[in-house]
Amino acid sequence: TVVLGPATNIAYLRDILAQPAFVAGQTSTSFLAEHMPDWRPPAEASEDEWIAAAVYEALGKAADNGRQAATGEATVYNPWEAARGWRNVL
């Protein structure tokens, strides 16, 4: 998974979730100090990884543009349509 934009703590959260003690529910306020005292964030993405991400994104946009040209319809993401079946019941 790649999240572009602001810095996130996704790697930290994944590493916490991967801890067997966390999965077993053996947590306390000292969990991080006990189980992950030397945790460091992963290395930054290399230039090749950034290029691969850019190419992947560009190919996706090109596919969307080709679909639009073939059908004559825009395929704009609409979160309201994506959430079909969701109902708020008050």
N, C-alpha and C. Protein backbone atom coordinates (compact mmCIF):
# COMPACT_ATOMS: atom_id res chain seq x y z
N THR A 1 0.85 -1.18 0.00
CA THR A 1 0.00 0.00 0.00
C THR A 1 0.88 1.23 0.00
N VAL A 2 0.49 2.19 -0.80
CA VAL A 2 1.23 3.45 -0.87
C VAL A 2 0.27 4.57 -0.56
N VAL A 3 0.66 5.43 0.36
CA VAL A 3 -0.12 6.62 0.66
C VAL A 3 0.76 7.80 0.33
N LEU A 4 0.40 8.53 -0.71
CA LEU A 4 1.16 9.70 -1.11
C LEU A 4 0.57 10.92 -0.44
N GLY A 5 1.40 11.89 -0.18
CA GLY A 5 0.93 13.11 0.46
C GLY A 5 1.56 13.26 1.82
N PRO A 6 0.77 13.68 2.79
CA PRO A 6 1.33 13.90 4.13
C PRO A 6 1.91 12.62 4.72
N ALA A 7 2.88 12.78 5.59
CA ALA A 7 3.48 11.63 6.27
C ALA A 7 2.42 10.93 7.12
N THR A 8 2.51 9.61 7.18
CA THR A 8 1.56 8.83 7.98
C THR A 8 2.34 7.92 8.92
N ASN A 9 1.65 7.30 9.83
CA ASN A 9 2.26 6.32 10.73
C ASN A 9 1.80 4.90 10.40
N ILE A 10 1.48 4.67 9.13
CA ILE A 10 0.97 3.36 8.71
C ILE A 10 1.97 2.25 9.01
N ALA A 11 3.26 2.48 8.74
CA ALA A 11 4.26 1.44 9.00
C ALA A 11 4.32 1.10 10.48
N TYR A 12 4.22 2.10 11.32
CA TYR A 12 4.24 1.89 12.77
C TYR A 12 3.03 1.06 13.21
N LEU A 13 1.86 1.43 12.71
CA LEU A 13 0.64 0.71 13.07
C LEU A 13 0.68 -0.74 12.59
N ARG A 14 1.20 -0.96 11.39
CA ARG A 14 1.32 -2.33 10.88
C ARG A 14 2.25 -3.17 11.74
N ASP A 15 3.35 -2.56 12.16
CA ASP A 15 4.30 -3.29 13.00
C ASP A 15 3.69 -3.61 14.37
N ILE A 16 2.89 -2.70 14.89
CA ILE A 16 2.19 -2.98 16.16
C ILE A 16 1.23 -4.15 15.96
N LEU A 17 0.45 -4.11 14.88
CA LEU A 17 -0.52 -5.17 14.62
C LEU A 17 0.14 -6.53 14.37
N ALA A 18 1.40 -6.52 13.95
CA ALA A 18 2.11 -7.77 13.67
C ALA A 18 2.70 -8.39 14.94
N GLN A 19 2.67 -7.69 16.04
CA GLN A 19 3.23 -8.21 17.29
C GLN A 19 2.31 -9.31 17.85
N PRO A 20 2.84 -10.50 18.09
CA PRO A 20 2.01 -11.59 18.63
C PRO A 20 1.32 -11.21 19.94
N ALA A 21 2.00 -10.47 20.80
CA ALA A 21 1.38 -10.08 22.08
C ALA A 21 0.19 -9.17 21.84
N PHE A 22 0.28 -8.30 20.85
CA PHE A 22 -0.85 -7.41 20.54
C PHE A 22 -2.03 -8.22 20.02
N VAL A 23 -1.74 -9.16 19.11
CA VAL A 23 -2.79 -10.01 18.55
C VAL A 23 -3.48 -10.81 19.65
N ALA A 24 -2.71 -11.24 20.64
CA ALA A 24 -3.25 -12.03 21.74
C ALA A 24 -3.98 -11.18 22.77
N GLY A 25 -3.95 -9.85 22.58
CA GLY A 25 -4.64 -8.97 23.51
C GLY A 25 -3.87 -8.68 24.78
N GLN A 26 -2.59 -9.00 24.78
CA GLN A 26 -1.75 -8.77 25.95
C GLN A 26 -1.13 -7.38 25.86
N THR A 27 -1.96 -6.38 26.05
CA THR A 27 -1.49 -5.01 25.91
C THR A 27 -1.67 -4.24 27.20
N SER A 28 -0.87 -3.24 27.34
CA SER A 28 -0.98 -2.32 28.47
C SER A 28 -0.40 -0.99 28.02
N THR A 29 -0.38 -0.04 28.92
CA THR A 29 0.16 1.27 28.55
C THR A 29 1.67 1.22 28.33
N SER A 30 2.31 0.14 28.75
CA SER A 30 3.76 0.00 28.52
C SER A 30 4.06 -0.93 27.35
N PHE A 31 3.05 -1.28 26.56
CA PHE A 31 3.22 -2.23 25.47
C PHE A 31 4.34 -1.81 24.51
N LEU A 32 4.32 -0.58 24.05
CA LEU A 32 5.31 -0.14 23.07
C LEU A 32 6.71 -0.16 23.64
N ALA A 33 6.86 0.28 24.87
CA ALA A 33 8.18 0.28 25.51
C ALA A 33 8.70 -1.14 25.70
N GLU A 34 7.81 -2.06 25.98
CA GLU A 34 8.21 -3.45 26.22
C GLU A 34 8.46 -4.23 24.93
N HIS A 35 7.63 -4.02 23.92
CA HIS A 35 7.68 -4.85 22.72
C HIS A 35 8.35 -4.19 21.52
N MET A 36 8.44 -2.89 21.51
CA MET A 36 9.00 -2.20 20.34
C MET A 36 9.91 -1.04 20.74
N PRO A 37 10.82 -1.26 21.69
CA PRO A 37 11.62 -0.13 22.18
C PRO A 37 12.57 0.45 21.14
N ASP A 38 13.02 -0.36 20.20
CA ASP A 38 14.00 0.10 19.21
C ASP A 38 13.40 0.30 17.83
N TRP A 39 12.08 0.46 17.75
CA TRP A 39 11.42 0.58 16.46
C TRP A 39 11.92 1.82 15.73
N ARG A 40 12.16 1.67 14.44
CA ARG A 40 12.54 2.79 13.57
C ARG A 40 11.69 2.71 12.31
N PRO A 41 11.33 3.86 11.75
CA PRO A 41 10.55 3.82 10.51
C PRO A 41 11.36 3.20 9.38
N PRO A 42 10.67 2.60 8.41
CA PRO A 42 11.39 2.01 7.27
C PRO A 42 12.05 3.11 6.44
N ALA A 43 13.02 2.71 5.65
CA ALA A 43 13.72 3.65 4.78
C ALA A 43 12.75 4.29 3.80
N GLU A 44 13.06 5.49 3.39
CA GLU A 44 12.24 6.18 2.39
C GLU A 44 12.24 5.41 1.08
N ALA A 45 11.22 5.61 0.29
CA ALA A 45 11.13 4.95 -1.02
C ALA A 45 12.26 5.43 -1.92
N SER A 46 12.78 4.52 -2.72
CA SER A 46 13.85 4.88 -3.65
C SER A 46 13.27 5.62 -4.85
N GLU A 47 14.14 6.21 -5.63
CA GLU A 47 13.69 6.92 -6.83
C GLU A 47 12.98 5.96 -7.78
N ASP A 48 13.48 4.73 -7.89
CA ASP A 48 12.83 3.74 -8.76
C ASP A 48 11.41 3.43 -8.29
N GLU A 49 11.21 3.37 -6.98
CA GLU A 49 9.86 3.10 -6.45
C GLU A 49 8.92 4.26 -6.75
N TRP A 50 9.41 5.50 -6.64
CA TRP A 50 8.58 6.66 -6.97
C TRP A 50 8.22 6.66 -8.46
N ILE A 51 9.19 6.31 -9.30
CA ILE A 51 8.93 6.25 -10.75
C ILE A 51 7.90 5.16 -11.04
N ALA A 52 8.05 4.00 -10.41
CA ALA A 52 7.08 2.91 -10.62
C ALA A 52 5.68 3.34 -10.19
N ALA A 53 5.57 4.05 -9.08
CA ALA A 53 4.26 4.52 -8.61
C ALA A 53 3.67 5.52 -9.60
N ALA A 54 4.50 6.40 -10.14
CA ALA A 54 4.02 7.39 -11.10
C ALA A 54 3.54 6.71 -12.39
N VAL A 55 4.29 5.72 -12.86
CA VAL A 55 3.90 5.00 -14.07
C VAL A 55 2.59 4.25 -13.84
N TYR A 56 2.47 3.60 -12.70
CA TYR A 56 1.25 2.87 -12.35
C TYR A 56 0.04 3.81 -12.36
N GLU A 57 0.20 4.98 -11.76
CA GLU A 57 -0.89 5.96 -11.73
C GLU A 57 -1.22 6.46 -13.14
N ALA A 58 -0.19 6.74 -13.93
CA ALA A 58 -0.41 7.23 -15.29
C ALA A 58 -1.12 6.18 -16.14
N LEU A 59 -0.74 4.92 -15.99
CA LEU A 59 -1.40 3.86 -16.76
C LEU A 59 -2.86 3.72 -16.36
N GLY A 60 -3.16 3.88 -15.10
CA GLY A 60 -4.55 3.83 -14.65
C GLY A 60 -5.37 4.95 -15.25
N LYS A 61 -4.79 6.15 -15.29
CA LYS A 61 -5.49 7.29 -15.89
C LYS A 61 -5.67 7.08 -17.39
N ALA A 62 -4.66 6.51 -18.04
CA ALA A 62 -4.76 6.25 -19.48
C ALA A 62 -5.87 5.24 -19.75
N ALA A 63 -5.98 4.23 -18.91
CA ALA A 63 -7.05 3.23 -19.08
C ALA A 63 -8.41 3.88 -18.91
N ASP A 64 -8.54 4.76 -17.91
CA ASP A 64 -9.81 5.48 -17.71
C ASP A 64 -10.14 6.34 -18.92
N ASN A 65 -9.13 7.03 -19.46
CA ASN A 65 -9.36 7.87 -20.64
C ASN A 65 -9.78 7.04 -21.84
N GLY A 66 -9.17 5.86 -22.01
CA GLY A 66 -9.55 4.98 -23.11
C GLY A 66 -10.97 4.49 -22.97
N ARG A 67 -11.37 4.18 -21.75
CA ARG A 67 -12.74 3.74 -21.49
C ARG A 67 -13.72 4.87 -21.82
N GLN A 68 -13.36 6.09 -21.44
CA GLN A 68 -14.22 7.23 -21.73
C GLN A 68 -14.36 7.43 -23.23
N ALA A 69 -13.26 7.29 -23.96
CA ALA A 69 -13.31 7.48 -25.41
C ALA A 69 -14.16 6.39 -26.06
N ALA A 70 -14.06 5.17 -25.56
CA ALA A 70 -14.80 4.06 -26.16
C ALA A 70 -16.29 4.12 -25.86
N THR A 71 -16.65 4.55 -24.67
CA THR A 71 -18.06 4.54 -24.28
C THR A 71 -18.72 5.90 -24.38
N GLY A 72 -17.90 6.95 -24.42
CA GLY A 72 -18.46 8.30 -24.44
C GLY A 72 -18.94 8.76 -23.08
N GLU A 73 -18.70 7.96 -22.06
CA GLU A 73 -19.13 8.31 -20.71
C GLU A 73 -17.93 8.55 -19.81
N ALA A 74 -18.03 9.54 -18.97
CA ALA A 74 -16.98 9.80 -18.00
C ALA A 74 -17.11 8.80 -16.85
N THR A 75 -15.97 8.32 -16.37
CA THR A 75 -15.98 7.40 -15.24
C THR A 75 -15.39 8.11 -14.03
N VAL A 76 -16.07 9.11 -13.57
CA VAL A 76 -15.61 9.87 -12.41
C VAL A 76 -16.03 9.13 -11.15
N TYR A 77 -15.11 9.00 -10.21
CA TYR A 77 -15.42 8.32 -8.96
C TYR A 77 -16.48 9.10 -8.19
N ASN A 78 -17.50 8.41 -7.76
CA ASN A 78 -18.57 9.02 -6.99
C ASN A 78 -18.74 8.20 -5.71
N PRO A 79 -18.33 8.76 -4.56
CA PRO A 79 -18.43 7.98 -3.33
C PRO A 79 -19.85 7.59 -2.96
N TRP A 80 -20.83 8.36 -3.42
CA TRP A 80 -22.22 8.03 -3.09
C TRP A 80 -22.68 6.79 -3.84
N GLU A 81 -22.17 6.59 -5.04
CA GLU A 81 -22.51 5.37 -5.77
C GLU A 81 -21.69 4.19 -5.27
N ALA A 82 -20.48 4.45 -4.81
CA ALA A 82 -19.63 3.38 -4.32
C ALA A 82 -20.17 2.78 -3.04
N ALA A 83 -20.95 3.53 -2.31
CA ALA A 83 -21.46 3.06 -1.02
C ALA A 83 -22.88 2.51 -1.14
N ARG A 84 -23.19 1.91 -2.27
CA ARG A 84 -24.53 1.33 -2.45
C ARG A 84 -24.81 0.30 -1.37
N GLY A 85 -26.03 0.28 -0.92
CA GLY A 85 -26.41 -0.68 0.10
C GLY A 85 -26.23 -0.16 1.51
N TRP A 86 -25.56 0.96 1.65
CA TRP A 86 -25.35 1.54 2.97
C TRP A 86 -26.57 2.34 3.36
N ARG A 87 -27.04 2.13 4.58
CA ARG A 87 -28.19 2.90 5.05
C ARG A 87 -27.91 3.38 6.47
N ASN A 88 -28.23 4.62 6.71
CA ASN A 88 -28.20 5.13 8.08
C ASN A 88 -29.58 4.93 8.66
N VAL A 89 -29.66 4.20 9.71
CA VAL A 89 -30.94 3.96 10.36
C VAL A 89 -30.90 4.67 11.71
N LEU A 90 -31.77 5.63 11.85
CA LEU A 90 -31.78 6.39 13.11
C LEU A 90 -32.90 5.94 14.01
